[in-house]
Amino acid sequence: MHNIPVNYCMAYISLLGLNNMERNDIAWIFVRAIGVYFCAQAIFSLYHIAALSFSLMTLYDFTNPSDDTEHLFIRTWFNIGITITELLLYSFISYYCLRKGTFIHKLLMYKSTNEKPKSGKD
């Protein structure tokens, strides 16, 4: 039960004719795919930071700072801070999965030792 994603992936790989891959190899492919996904998320976060910065510049150019528009400035700065935090988190996860990833690999390779052997009697 613990290795359902790996079993599905093994079925797809056997359909492709790549039967020589082992469970260990499939787990590393998953770890690297997670790293590529989070790398793309980090790149999208950079785009979001640039868009928020441009929005902030236009707010300062076209409005006079007053009590009516102050909440827009605060919200934009808050969104920039959140996006920078996301960028750092995504970059860290991406780096870890693409360069190391041993902890996630061990989680994918885990097999429970407490499972009782199945007998034919029910």
PDB file of N, CA and C in Angstrom:
ATOM      1  N   MET A   1       0.798  -1.194   0.000  1.00  0.00           N
ATOM      2  CA  MET A   1       0.000   0.000   0.000  1.00  0.00           C
ATOM      3  C   MET A   1       0.850   1.273   0.000  1.00  0.00           C
ATOM      4  N   HIS A   2       2.053   1.206   0.544  1.00  0.00           N
ATOM      5  CA  HIS A   2       2.864   2.402   0.684  1.00  0.00           C
ATOM      6  C   HIS A   2       3.520   2.850  -0.618  1.00  0.00           C
ATOM      7  N   ASN A   3       3.576   1.988  -1.595  1.00  0.00           N
ATOM      8  CA  ASN A   3       4.281   2.340  -2.820  1.00  0.00           C
ATOM      9  C   ASN A   3       3.347   2.414  -4.015  1.00  0.00           C
ATOM     10  N   ILE A   4       2.140   2.927  -3.821  1.00  0.00           N
ATOM     11  CA  ILE A   4       1.172   3.023  -4.906  1.00  0.00           C
ATOM     12  C   ILE A   4       1.676   3.899  -6.045  1.00  0.00           C
ATOM     13  N   PRO A   5       2.209   5.118  -5.802  1.00  0.00           N
ATOM     14  CA  PRO A   5       2.680   5.914  -6.940  1.00  0.00           C
ATOM     15  C   PRO A   5       3.787   5.219  -7.720  1.00  0.00           C
ATOM     16  N   VAL A   6       4.671   4.541  -7.038  1.00  0.00           N
ATOM     17  CA  VAL A   6       5.756   3.860  -7.721  1.00  0.00           C
ATOM     18  C   VAL A   6       5.201   2.707  -8.556  1.00  0.00           C
ATOM     19  N   ASN A   7       4.185   1.999  -8.037  1.00  0.00           N
ATOM     20  CA  ASN A   7       3.601   0.900  -8.797  1.00  0.00           C
ATOM     21  C   ASN A   7       2.927   1.402 -10.070  1.00  0.00           C
ATOM     22  N   TYR A   8       2.213   2.525  -9.980  1.00  0.00           N
ATOM     23  CA  TYR A   8       1.598   3.091 -11.175  1.00  0.00           C
ATOM     24  C   TYR A   8       2.654   3.493 -12.187  1.00  0.00           C
ATOM     25  N   CYS A   9       3.715   4.101 -11.698  1.00  0.00           N
ATOM     26  CA  CYS A   9       4.796   4.515 -12.592  1.00  0.00           C
ATOM     27  C   CYS A   9       5.468   3.301 -13.210  1.00  0.00           C
ATOM     28  N   MET A  10       5.635   2.245 -12.449  1.00  0.00           N
ATOM     29  CA  MET A  10       6.233   1.024 -12.996  1.00  0.00           C
ATOM     30  C   MET A  10       5.356   0.452 -14.111  1.00  0.00           C
ATOM     31  N   ALA A  11       4.031   0.547 -13.953  1.00  0.00           N
ATOM     32  CA  ALA A  11       3.136   0.044 -14.995  1.00  0.00           C
ATOM     33  C   ALA A  11       3.310   0.843 -16.279  1.00  0.00           C
ATOM     34  N   TYR A  12       3.426   2.165 -16.149  1.00  0.00           N
ATOM     35  CA  TYR A  12       3.624   3.002 -17.336  1.00  0.00           C
ATOM     36  C   TYR A  12       4.974   2.722 -17.988  1.00  0.00           C
ATOM     37  N   ILE A  13       5.984   2.525 -17.175  1.00  0.00           N
ATOM     38  CA  ILE A  13       7.310   2.257 -17.717  1.00  0.00           C
ATOM     39  C   ILE A  13       7.340   0.903 -18.423  1.00  0.00           C
ATOM     40  N   SER A  14       6.630  -0.078 -17.885  1.00  0.00           N
ATOM     41  CA  SER A  14       6.599  -1.369 -18.564  1.00  0.00           C
ATOM     42  C   SER A  14       5.850  -1.266 -19.886  1.00  0.00           C
ATOM     43  N   LEU A  15       4.857  -0.375 -19.952  1.00  0.00           N
ATOM     44  CA  LEU A  15       4.174  -0.152 -21.227  1.00  0.00           C
ATOM     45  C   LEU A  15       5.104   0.476 -22.257  1.00  0.00           C
ATOM     46  N   LEU A  16       6.024   1.309 -21.779  1.00  0.00           N
ATOM     47  CA  LEU A  16       6.979   1.946 -22.679  1.00  0.00           C
ATOM     48  C   LEU A  16       8.119   1.011 -23.065  1.00  0.00           C
ATOM     49  N   GLY A  17       8.234  -0.110 -22.410  1.00  0.00           N
ATOM     50  CA  GLY A  17       9.288  -1.061 -22.728  1.00  0.00           C
ATOM     51  C   GLY A  17      10.572  -0.831 -21.955  1.00  0.00           C
ATOM     52  N   LEU A  18      10.513  -0.073 -20.881  1.00  0.00           N
ATOM     53  CA  LEU A  18      11.702   0.209 -20.069  1.00  0.00           C
ATOM     54  C   LEU A  18      11.662  -0.645 -18.805  1.00  0.00           C
ATOM     55  N   ASN A  19      11.638  -1.940 -18.958  1.00  0.00           N
ATOM     56  CA  ASN A  19      11.481  -2.847 -17.821  1.00  0.00           C
ATOM     57  C   ASN A  19      12.730  -2.981 -16.964  1.00  0.00           C
ATOM     58  N   ASN A  20      13.848  -2.457 -17.412  1.00  0.00           N
ATOM     59  CA  ASN A  20      15.084  -2.607 -16.654  1.00  0.00           C
ATOM     60  C   ASN A  20      15.191  -1.649 -15.477  1.00  0.00           C
ATOM     61  N   MET A  21      14.273  -0.688 -15.355  1.00  0.00           N
ATOM     62  CA  MET A  21      14.338   0.266 -14.252  1.00  0.00           C
ATOM     63  C   MET A  21      13.812  -0.373 -12.983  1.00  0.00           C
ATOM     64  N   GLU A  22      14.477  -0.080 -11.885  1.00  0.00           N
ATOM     65  CA  GLU A  22      14.075  -0.609 -10.590  1.00  0.00           C
ATOM     66  C   GLU A  22      13.321   0.466  -9.816  1.00  0.00           C
ATOM     67  N   ARG A  23      12.799   0.053  -8.691  1.00  0.00           N
ATOM     68  CA  ARG A  23      12.045   0.973  -7.844  1.00  0.00           C
ATOM     69  C   ARG A  23      12.912   2.148  -7.389  1.00  0.00           C
ATOM     70  N   ASN A  24      14.167   1.886  -7.124  1.00  0.00           N
ATOM     71  CA  ASN A  24      15.109   2.913  -6.715  1.00  0.00           C
ATOM     72  C   ASN A  24      15.241   3.988  -7.798  1.00  0.00           C
ATOM     73  N   ASP A  25      15.340   3.580  -9.047  1.00  0.00           N
ATOM     74  CA  ASP A  25      15.467   4.529 -10.154  1.00  0.00           C
ATOM     75  C   ASP A  25      14.205   5.373 -10.319  1.00  0.00           C
ATOM     76  N   ILE A  26      13.050   4.747 -10.161  1.00  0.00           N
ATOM     77  CA  ILE A  26      11.782   5.457 -10.278  1.00  0.00           C
ATOM     78  C   ILE A  26      11.667   6.516  -9.182  1.00  0.00           C
ATOM     79  N   ALA A  27      12.093   6.168  -7.974  1.00  0.00           N
ATOM     80  CA  ALA A  27      12.038   7.126  -6.866  1.00  0.00           C
ATOM     81  C   ALA A  27      12.927   8.327  -7.147  1.00  0.00           C
ATOM     82  N   TRP A  28      14.115   8.092  -7.720  1.00  0.00           N
ATOM     83  CA  TRP A  28      14.986   9.221  -8.049  1.00  0.00           C
ATOM     84  C   TRP A  28      14.372  10.089  -9.145  1.00  0.00           C
ATOM     85  N   ILE A  29      13.666   9.480 -10.085  1.00  0.00           N
ATOM     86  CA  ILE A  29      12.987  10.266 -11.121  1.00  0.00           C
ATOM     87  C   ILE A  29      11.923  11.156 -10.495  1.00  0.00           C
ATOM     88  N   PHE A  30      11.166  10.617  -9.526  1.00  0.00           N
ATOM     89  CA  PHE A  30      10.174  11.429  -8.823  1.00  0.00           C
ATOM     90  C   PHE A  30      10.825  12.591  -8.081  1.00  0.00           C
ATOM     91  N   VAL A  31      11.930  12.337  -7.413  1.00  0.00           N
ATOM     92  CA  VAL A  31      12.618  13.396  -6.659  1.00  0.00           C
ATOM     93  C   VAL A  31      13.085  14.499  -7.612  1.00  0.00           C
ATOM     94  N   ARG A  32      13.658  14.110  -8.734  1.00  0.00           N
ATOM     95  CA  ARG A  32      14.132  15.100  -9.705  1.00  0.00           C
ATOM     96  C   ARG A  32      12.966  15.854 -10.337  1.00  0.00           C
ATOM     97  N   ALA A  33      11.840  15.171 -10.580  1.00  0.00           N
ATOM     98  CA  ALA A  33      10.663  15.840 -11.148  1.00  0.00           C
ATOM     99  C   ALA A  33      10.105  16.873 -10.173  1.00  0.00           C
ATOM    100  N   ILE A  34      10.122  16.557  -8.887  1.00  0.00           N
ATOM    101  CA  ILE A  34       9.701  17.530  -7.877  1.00  0.00           C
ATOM    102  C   ILE A  34      10.631  18.742  -7.916  1.00  0.00           C
ATOM    103  N   GLY A  35      11.931  18.499  -8.067  1.00  0.00           N
ATOM    104  CA  GLY A  35      12.890  19.598  -8.149  1.00  0.00           C
ATOM    105  C   GLY A  35      12.658  20.481  -9.362  1.00  0.00           C
ATOM    106  N   VAL A  36      12.359  19.892 -10.509  1.00  0.00           N
ATOM    107  CA  VAL A  36      12.087  20.680 -11.716  1.00  0.00           C
ATOM    108  C   VAL A  36      10.809  21.497 -11.535  1.00  0.00           C
ATOM    109  N   TYR A  37       9.790  20.897 -10.917  1.00  0.00           N
ATOM    110  CA  TYR A  37       8.544  21.620 -10.666  1.00  0.00           C
ATOM    111  C   TYR A  37       8.789  22.854  -9.794  1.00  0.00           C
ATOM    112  N   PHE A  38       9.515  22.690  -8.703  1.00  0.00           N
ATOM    113  CA  PHE A  38       9.757  23.819  -7.815  1.00  0.00           C
ATOM    114  C   PHE A  38      10.719  24.838  -8.434  1.00  0.00           C
ATOM    115  N   CYS A  39      11.580  24.420  -9.335  1.00  0.00           N
ATOM    116  CA  CYS A  39      12.415  25.364 -10.068  1.00  0.00           C
ATOM    117  C   CYS A  39      11.539  26.256 -10.954  1.00  0.00           C
ATOM    118  N   ALA A  40      10.554  25.655 -11.605  1.00  0.00           N
ATOM    119  CA  ALA A  40       9.620  26.446 -12.418  1.00  0.00           C
ATOM    120  C   ALA A  40       8.816  27.398 -11.535  1.00  0.00           C
ATOM    121  N   GLN A  41       8.410  26.942 -10.356  1.00  0.00           N
ATOM    122  CA  GLN A  41       7.687  27.815  -9.439  1.00  0.00           C
ATOM    123  C   GLN A  41       8.547  29.001  -9.003  1.00  0.00           C
ATOM    124  N   ALA A  42       9.829  28.774  -8.785  1.00  0.00           N
ATOM    125  CA  ALA A  42      10.733  29.864  -8.412  1.00  0.00           C
ATOM    126  C   ALA A  42      10.854  30.873  -9.547  1.00  0.00           C
ATOM    127  N   ILE A  43      10.912  30.400 -10.781  1.00  0.00           N
ATOM    128  CA  ILE A  43      10.988  31.314 -11.926  1.00  0.00           C
ATOM    129  C   ILE A  43       9.704  32.132 -12.041  1.00  0.00           C
ATOM    130  N   PHE A  44       8.550  31.487 -11.823  1.00  0.00           N
ATOM    131  CA  PHE A  44       7.295  32.231 -11.854  1.00  0.00           C
ATOM    132  C   PHE A  44       7.220  33.245 -10.715  1.00  0.00           C
ATOM    133  N   SER A  45       7.824  32.933  -9.579  1.00  0.00           N
ATOM    134  CA  SER A  45       7.856  33.890  -8.467  1.00  0.00           C
ATOM    135  C   SER A  45       8.681  35.119  -8.831  1.00  0.00           C
ATOM    136  N   LEU A  46       9.764  34.920  -9.572  1.00  0.00           N
ATOM    137  CA  LEU A  46      10.551  36.074 -10.036  1.00  0.00           C
ATOM    138  C   LEU A  46       9.713  36.985 -10.916  1.00  0.00           C
ATOM    139  N   TYR A  47       8.930  36.378 -11.808  1.00  0.00           N
ATOM    140  CA  TYR A  47       8.045  37.160 -12.667  1.00  0.00           C
ATOM    141  C   TYR A  47       7.021  37.916 -11.827  1.00  0.00           C
ATOM    142  N   HIS A  48       6.478  37.271 -10.815  1.00  0.00           N
ATOM    143  CA  HIS A  48       5.487  37.911  -9.950  1.00  0.00           C
ATOM    144  C   HIS A  48       6.102  39.073  -9.176  1.00  0.00           C
ATOM    145  N   ILE A  49       7.334  38.922  -8.713  1.00  0.00           N
ATOM    146  CA  ILE A  49       8.019  40.016  -8.014  1.00  0.00           C
ATOM    147  C   ILE A  49       8.219  41.200  -8.952  1.00  0.00           C
ATOM    148  N   ALA A  50       8.612  40.922 -10.192  1.00  0.00           N
ATOM    149  CA  ALA A  50       8.790  42.002 -11.167  1.00  0.00           C
ATOM    150  C   ALA A  50       7.473  42.712 -11.440  1.00  0.00           C
ATOM    151  N   ALA A  51       6.387  41.963 -11.566  1.00  0.00           N
ATOM    152  CA  ALA A  51       5.082  42.576 -11.815  1.00  0.00           C
ATOM    153  C   ALA A  51       4.636  43.416 -10.620  1.00  0.00           C
ATOM    154  N   LEU A  52       4.846  42.920  -9.409  1.00  0.00           N
ATOM    155  CA  LEU A  52       4.474  43.691  -8.224  1.00  0.00           C
ATOM    156  C   LEU A  52       5.331  44.942  -8.082  1.00  0.00           C
ATOM    157  N   SER A  53       6.602  44.848  -8.436  1.00  0.00           N
ATOM    158  CA  SER A  53       7.474  46.021  -8.369  1.00  0.00           C
ATOM    159  C   SER A  53       7.019  47.082  -9.365  1.00  0.00           C
ATOM    160  N   PHE A  54       6.661  46.653 -10.559  1.00  0.00           N
ATOM    161  CA  PHE A  54       6.149  47.592 -11.556  1.00  0.00           C
ATOM    162  C   PHE A  54       4.844  48.224 -11.077  1.00  0.00           C
ATOM    163  N   SER A  55       3.985  47.425 -10.454  1.00  0.00           N
ATOM    164  CA  SER A  55       2.735  47.945  -9.899  1.00  0.00           C
ATOM    165  C   SER A  55       3.009  48.968  -8.809  1.00  0.00           C
ATOM    166  N   LEU A  56       3.995  48.708  -7.986  1.00  0.00           N
ATOM    167  CA  LEU A  56       4.348  49.641  -6.918  1.00  0.00           C
ATOM    168  C   LEU A  56       4.886  50.941  -7.489  1.00  0.00           C
ATOM    169  N   MET A  57       5.704  50.851  -8.531  1.00  0.00           N
ATOM    170  CA  MET A  57       6.228  52.074  -9.159  1.00  0.00           C
ATOM    171  C   MET A  57       5.108  52.906  -9.753  1.00  0.00           C
ATOM    172  N   THR A  58       4.144  52.271 -10.403  1.00  0.00           N
ATOM    173  CA  THR A  58       3.041  53.038 -10.984  1.00  0.00           C
ATOM    174  C   THR A  58       2.160  53.628  -9.901  1.00  0.00           C
ATOM    175  N   LEU A  59       2.016  52.956  -8.778  1.00  0.00           N
ATOM    176  CA  LEU A  59       1.253  53.528  -7.670  1.00  0.00           C
ATOM    177  C   LEU A  59       1.918  54.797  -7.152  1.00  0.00           C
ATOM    178  N   TYR A  60       3.244  54.764  -7.010  1.00  0.00           N
ATOM    179  CA  TYR A  60       3.952  55.950  -6.519  1.00  0.00           C
ATOM    180  C   TYR A  60       3.958  57.076  -7.548  1.00  0.00           C
ATOM    181  N   ASP A  61       3.938  56.734  -8.832  1.00  0.00           N
ATOM    182  CA  ASP A  61       3.979  57.762  -9.874  1.00  0.00           C
ATOM    183  C   ASP A  61       2.646  58.463 -10.060  1.00  0.00           C
ATOM    184  N   PHE A  62       1.555  57.737  -9.981  1.00  0.00           N
ATOM    185  CA  PHE A  62       0.262  58.303 -10.349  1.00  0.00           C
ATOM    186  C   PHE A  62      -0.595  58.755  -9.184  1.00  0.00           C
ATOM    187  N   THR A  63      -0.230  58.463  -7.989  1.00  0.00           N
ATOM    188  CA  THR A  63      -1.060  58.857  -6.849  1.00  0.00           C
ATOM    189  C   THR A  63      -0.228  59.637  -5.845  1.00  0.00           C
ATOM    190  N   ASN A  64      -0.917  60.454  -5.130  1.00  0.00           N
ATOM    191  CA  ASN A  64      -0.290  61.145  -4.001  1.00  0.00           C
ATOM    192  C   ASN A  64      -0.488  60.277  -2.769  1.00  0.00           C
ATOM    193  N   PRO A  65       0.583  60.016  -2.044  1.00  0.00           N
ATOM    194  CA  PRO A  65       0.414  59.192  -0.843  1.00  0.00           C
ATOM    195  C   PRO A  65      -0.536  59.871   0.153  1.00  0.00           C
ATOM    196  N   SER A  66      -1.637  59.241   0.391  1.00  0.00           N
ATOM    197  CA  SER A  66      -2.608  59.759   1.350  1.00  0.00           C
ATOM    198  C   SER A  66      -3.206  58.567   2.093  1.00  0.00           C
ATOM    199  N   ASP A  67      -4.118  58.885   2.981  1.00  0.00           N
ATOM    200  CA  ASP A  67      -4.739  57.810   3.757  1.00  0.00           C
ATOM    201  C   ASP A  67      -5.591  56.897   2.875  1.00  0.00           C
ATOM    202  N   ASP A  68      -6.119  57.439   1.771  1.00  0.00           N
ATOM    203  CA  ASP A  68      -6.974  56.629   0.900  1.00  0.00           C
ATOM    204  C   ASP A  68      -6.191  55.574   0.124  1.00  0.00           C
ATOM    205  N   THR A  69      -4.968  55.897  -0.255  1.00  0.00           N
ATOM    206  CA  THR A  69      -4.182  54.956  -1.060  1.00  0.00           C
ATOM    207  C   THR A  69      -3.097  54.246  -0.253  1.00  0.00           C
ATOM    208  N   GLU A  70      -2.986  54.585   1.011  1.00  0.00           N
ATOM    209  CA  GLU A  70      -1.937  53.972   1.830  1.00  0.00           C
ATOM    210  C   GLU A  70      -2.110  52.461   1.950  1.00  0.00           C
ATOM    211  N   HIS A  71      -3.358  51.987   2.008  1.00  0.00           N
ATOM    212  CA  HIS A  71      -3.592  50.544   2.109  1.00  0.00           C
ATOM    213  C   HIS A  71      -3.126  49.818   0.849  1.00  0.00           C
ATOM    214  N   LEU A  72      -3.175  50.486  -0.312  1.00  0.00           N
ATOM    215  CA  LEU A  72      -2.672  49.864  -1.543  1.00  0.00           C
ATOM    216  C   LEU A  72      -1.163  49.683  -1.491  1.00  0.00           C
ATOM    217  N   PHE A  73      -0.463  50.703  -0.959  1.00  0.00           N
ATOM    218  CA  PHE A  73       0.990  50.591  -0.818  1.00  0.00           C
ATOM    219  C   PHE A  73       1.360  49.468   0.152  1.00  0.00           C
ATOM    220  N   ILE A  74       0.667  49.425   1.282  1.00  0.00           N
ATOM    221  CA  ILE A  74       0.961  48.406   2.285  1.00  0.00           C
ATOM    222  C   ILE A  74       0.675  47.013   1.737  1.00  0.00           C
ATOM    223  N   ARG A  75      -0.454  46.851   1.047  1.00  0.00           N
ATOM    224  CA  ARG A  75      -0.804  45.543   0.484  1.00  0.00           C
ATOM    225  C   ARG A  75       0.215  45.109  -0.569  1.00  0.00           C
ATOM    226  N   THR A  76       0.671  46.057  -1.388  1.00  0.00           N
ATOM    227  CA  THR A  76       1.654  45.713  -2.417  1.00  0.00           C
ATOM    228  C   THR A  76       2.981  45.311  -1.783  1.00  0.00           C
ATOM    229  N   TRP A  77       3.449  46.051  -0.772  1.00  0.00           N
ATOM    230  CA  TRP A  77       4.688  45.677  -0.090  1.00  0.00           C
ATOM    231  C   TRP A  77       4.546  44.322   0.600  1.00  0.00           C
ATOM    232  N   PHE A  78       3.360  44.076   1.191  1.00  0.00           N
ATOM    233  CA  PHE A  78       3.105  42.790   1.839  1.00  0.00           C
ATOM    234  C   PHE A  78       3.159  41.657   0.811  1.00  0.00           C
ATOM    235  N   ASN A  79       2.556  41.858  -0.356  1.00  0.00           N
ATOM    236  CA  ASN A  79       2.592  40.837  -1.412  1.00  0.00           C
ATOM    237  C   ASN A  79       4.011  40.604  -1.929  1.00  0.00           C
ATOM    238  N   ILE A  80       4.800  41.662  -2.009  1.00  0.00           N
ATOM    239  CA  ILE A  80       6.203  41.492  -2.423  1.00  0.00           C
ATOM    240  C   ILE A  80       6.957  40.656  -1.396  1.00  0.00           C
ATOM    241  N   GLY A  81       6.722  40.909  -0.117  1.00  0.00           N
ATOM    242  CA  GLY A  81       7.373  40.130   0.937  1.00  0.00           C
ATOM    243  C   GLY A  81       6.977  38.666   0.898  1.00  0.00           C
ATOM    244  N   ILE A  82       5.698  38.396   0.696  1.00  0.00           N
ATOM    245  CA  ILE A  82       5.235  37.003   0.607  1.00  0.00           C
ATOM    246  C   ILE A  82       5.847  36.316  -0.603  1.00  0.00           C
ATOM    247  N   THR A  83       5.895  37.022  -1.728  1.00  0.00           N
ATOM    248  CA  THR A  83       6.439  36.421  -2.942  1.00  0.00           C
ATOM    249  C   THR A  83       7.933  36.159  -2.816  1.00  0.00           C
ATOM    250  N   ILE A  84       8.659  37.039  -2.149  1.00  0.00           N
ATOM    251  CA  ILE A  84      10.089  36.800  -1.917  1.00  0.00           C
ATOM    252  C   ILE A  84      10.278  35.574  -1.021  1.00  0.00           C
ATOM    253  N   THR A  85       9.414  35.425  -0.008  1.00  0.00           N
ATOM    254  CA  THR A  85       9.474  34.249   0.850  1.00  0.00           C
ATOM    255  C   THR A  85       9.195  32.978   0.052  1.00  0.00           C
ATOM    256  N   GLU A  86       8.187  33.030  -0.829  1.00  0.00           N
ATOM    257  CA  GLU A  86       7.900  31.880  -1.691  1.00  0.00           C
ATOM    258  C   GLU A  86       9.085  31.571  -2.595  1.00  0.00           C
ATOM    259  N   LEU A  87       9.699  32.605  -3.141  1.00  0.00           N
ATOM    260  CA  LEU A  87      10.857  32.412  -4.013  1.00  0.00           C
ATOM    261  C   LEU A  87      11.982  31.696  -3.274  1.00  0.00           C
ATOM    262  N   LEU A  88      12.260  32.121  -2.060  1.00  0.00           N
ATOM    263  CA  LEU A  88      13.314  31.471  -1.279  1.00  0.00           C
ATOM    264  C   LEU A  88      12.963  30.025  -0.957  1.00  0.00           C
ATOM    265  N   LEU A  89      11.707  29.774  -0.590  1.00  0.00           N
ATOM    266  CA  LEU A  89      11.280  28.422  -0.270  1.00  0.00           C
ATOM    267  C   LEU A  89      11.350  27.520  -1.504  1.00  0.00           C
ATOM    268  N   TYR A  90      10.824  27.987  -2.629  1.00  0.00           N
ATOM    269  CA  TYR A  90      10.851  27.196  -3.853  1.00  0.00           C
ATOM    270  C   TYR A  90      12.283  26.944  -4.318  1.00  0.00           C
ATOM    271  N   SER A  91      13.129  27.942  -4.172  1.00  0.00           N
ATOM    272  CA  SER A  91      14.523  27.773  -4.584  1.00  0.00           C
ATOM    273  C   SER A  91      15.223  26.727  -3.715  1.00  0.00           C
ATOM    274  N   PHE A  92      14.963  26.770  -2.407  1.00  0.00           N
ATOM    275  CA  PHE A  92      15.576  25.798  -1.511  1.00  0.00           C
ATOM    276  C   PHE A  92      15.104  24.380  -1.832  1.00  0.00           C
ATOM    277  N   ILE A  93      13.790  24.201  -2.006  1.00  0.00           N
ATOM    278  CA  ILE A  93      13.262  22.866  -2.308  1.00  0.00           C
ATOM    279  C   ILE A  93      13.802  22.378  -3.643  1.00  0.00           C
ATOM    280  N   SER A  94      13.853  23.265  -4.624  1.00  0.00           N
ATOM    281  CA  SER A  94      14.367  22.893  -5.940  1.00  0.00           C
ATOM    282  C   SER A  94      15.834  22.487  -5.859  1.00  0.00           C
ATOM    283  N   TYR A  95      16.636  23.272  -5.176  1.00  0.00           N
ATOM    284  CA  TYR A  95      18.051  22.948  -5.024  1.00  0.00           C
ATOM    285  C   TYR A  95      18.221  21.594  -4.330  1.00  0.00           C
ATOM    286  N   TYR A  96      17.457  21.393  -3.253  1.00  0.00           N
ATOM    287  CA  TYR A  96      17.586  20.141  -2.505  1.00  0.00           C
ATOM    288  C   TYR A  96      17.211  18.937  -3.367  1.00  0.00           C
ATOM    289  N   CYS A  97      16.101  19.040  -4.088  1.00  0.00           N
ATOM    290  CA  CYS A  97      15.645  17.889  -4.886  1.00  0.00           C
ATOM    291  C   CYS A  97      16.546  17.635  -6.090  1.00  0.00           C
ATOM    292  N   LEU A  98      17.082  18.671  -6.689  1.00  0.00           N
ATOM    293  CA  LEU A  98      17.913  18.478  -7.870  1.00  0.00           C
ATOM    294  C   LEU A  98      19.353  18.102  -7.528  1.00  0.00           C
ATOM    295  N   ARG A  99      19.848  18.513  -6.361  1.00  0.00           N
ATOM    296  CA  ARG A  99      21.233  18.234  -6.004  1.00  0.00           C
ATOM    297  C   ARG A  99      21.395  17.091  -5.015  1.00  0.00           C
ATOM    298  N   LYS A 100      20.483  16.962  -4.059  1.00  0.00           N
ATOM    299  CA  LYS A 100      20.643  15.941  -3.022  1.00  0.00           C
ATOM    300  C   LYS A 100      19.412  15.045  -3.001  1.00  0.00           C
ATOM    301  N   GLY A 101      18.403  15.418  -2.272  1.00  0.00           N
ATOM    302  CA  GLY A 101      17.134  14.715  -2.270  1.00  0.00           C
ATOM    303  C   GLY A 101      17.103  13.366  -1.586  1.00  0.00           C
ATOM    304  N   THR A 102      18.080  13.064  -0.746  1.00  0.00           N
ATOM    305  CA  THR A 102      18.135  11.730  -0.142  1.00  0.00           C
ATOM    306  C   THR A 102      16.993  11.479   0.839  1.00  0.00           C
ATOM    307  N   PHE A 103      16.573  12.505   1.574  1.00  0.00           N
ATOM    308  CA  PHE A 103      15.485  12.315   2.540  1.00  0.00           C
ATOM    309  C   PHE A 103      14.182  11.973   1.820  1.00  0.00           C
ATOM    310  N   ILE A 104      13.868  12.695   0.774  1.00  0.00           N
ATOM    311  CA  ILE A 104      12.642  12.414   0.017  1.00  0.00           C
ATOM    312  C   ILE A 104      12.742  11.045  -0.641  1.00  0.00           C
ATOM    313  N   HIS A 105      13.923  10.702  -1.115  1.00  0.00           N
ATOM    314  CA  HIS A 105      14.120   9.381  -1.718  1.00  0.00           C
ATOM    315  C   HIS A 105      13.879   8.280  -0.695  1.00  0.00           C
ATOM    316  N   LYS A 106      14.371   8.476   0.519  1.00  0.00           N
ATOM    317  CA  LYS A 106      14.144   7.476   1.568  1.00  0.00           C
ATOM    318  C   LYS A 106      12.661   7.361   1.912  1.00  0.00           C
ATOM    319  N   LEU A 107      11.935   8.489   1.887  1.00  0.00           N
ATOM    320  CA  LEU A 107      10.496   8.432   2.131  1.00  0.00           C
ATOM    321  C   LEU A 107       9.786   7.638   1.038  1.00  0.00           C
ATOM    322  N   LEU A 108      10.205   7.817  -0.197  1.00  0.00           N
ATOM    323  CA  LEU A 108       9.590   7.077  -1.297  1.00  0.00           C
ATOM    324  C   LEU A 108       9.944   5.596  -1.258  1.00  0.00           C
ATOM    325  N   MET A 109      11.095   5.272  -0.722  1.00  0.00           N
ATOM    326  CA  MET A 109      11.549   3.879  -0.683  1.00  0.00           C
ATOM    327  C   MET A 109      11.104   3.148   0.584  1.00  0.00           C
ATOM    328  N   TYR A 110      10.392   3.811   1.471  1.00  0.00           N
ATOM    329  CA  TYR A 110      10.000   3.226   2.753  1.00  0.00           C
ATOM    330  C   TYR A 110       9.057   2.043   2.550  1.00  0.00           C
ATOM    331  N   LYS A 111       9.332   0.982   3.289  1.00  0.00           N
ATOM    332  CA  LYS A 111       8.444  -0.182   3.356  1.00  0.00           C
ATOM    333  C   LYS A 111       8.206  -0.475   4.824  1.00  0.00           C
ATOM    334  N   SER A 112       6.960  -0.646   5.178  1.00  0.00           N
ATOM    335  CA  SER A 112       6.606  -0.924   6.567  1.00  0.00           C
ATOM    336  C   SER A 112       7.064  -2.326   6.952  1.00  0.00           C
ATOM    337  N   THR A 113       7.620  -2.452   8.140  1.00  0.00           N
ATOM    338  CA  THR A 113       8.046  -3.758   8.633  1.00  0.00           C
ATOM    339  C   THR A 113       7.001  -4.378   9.539  1.00  0.00           C
ATOM    340  N   ASN A 114       5.920  -3.640   9.805  1.00  0.00           N
ATOM    341  CA  ASN A 114       4.879  -4.134  10.715  1.00  0.00           C
ATOM    342  C   ASN A 114       3.744  -4.820   9.990  1.00  0.00           C
ATOM    343  N   GLU A 115       3.856  -5.022   8.695  1.00  0.00           N
ATOM    344  CA  GLU A 115       2.765  -5.659   7.956  1.00  0.00           C
ATOM    345  C   GLU A 115       2.746  -7.153   8.285  1.00  0.00           C
ATOM    346  N   LYS A 116       1.560  -7.656   8.504  1.00  0.00           N
ATOM    347  CA  LYS A 116       1.405  -9.080   8.800  1.00  0.00           C
ATOM    348  C   LYS A 116       1.362  -9.842   7.479  1.00  0.00           C
ATOM    349  N   PRO A 117       1.960 -11.008   7.442  1.00  0.00           N
ATOM    350  CA  PRO A 117       1.896 -11.804   6.208  1.00  0.00           C
ATOM    351  C   PRO A 117       0.458 -12.241   5.959  1.00  0.00           C
ATOM    352  N   LYS A 118       0.074 -12.196   4.704  1.00  0.00           N
ATOM    353  CA  LYS A 118      -1.290 -12.561   4.337  1.00  0.00           C
ATOM    354  C   LYS A 118      -1.395 -14.087   4.224  1.00  0.00           C
ATOM    355  N   SER A 119      -2.392 -14.617   4.873  1.00  0.00           N
ATOM    356  CA  SER A 119      -2.628 -16.037   4.736  1.00  0.00           C
ATOM    357  C   SER A 119      -3.840 -16.241   3.839  1.00  0.00           C
ATOM    358  N   GLY A 120      -3.996 -17.390   3.285  1.00  0.00           N
ATOM    359  CA  GLY A 120      -5.092 -17.667   2.383  1.00  0.00           C
ATOM    360  C   GLY A 120      -6.420 -17.829   3.085  1.00  0.00           C
ATOM    361  N   LYS A 121      -6.412 -17.816   4.414  1.00  0.00           N
ATOM    362  CA  LYS A 121      -7.651 -18.011   5.178  1.00  0.00           C
ATOM    363  C   LYS A 121      -8.251 -16.674   5.551  1.00  0.00           C
ATOM    364  N   ASP A 122      -9.535 -16.515   5.274  1.00  0.00           N
ATOM    365  CA  ASP A 122     -10.257 -15.283   5.664  1.00  0.00           C
ATOM    366  C   ASP A 122     -11.394 -15.605   6.576  1.00  0.00           C
TER     367      ASP A 122
END
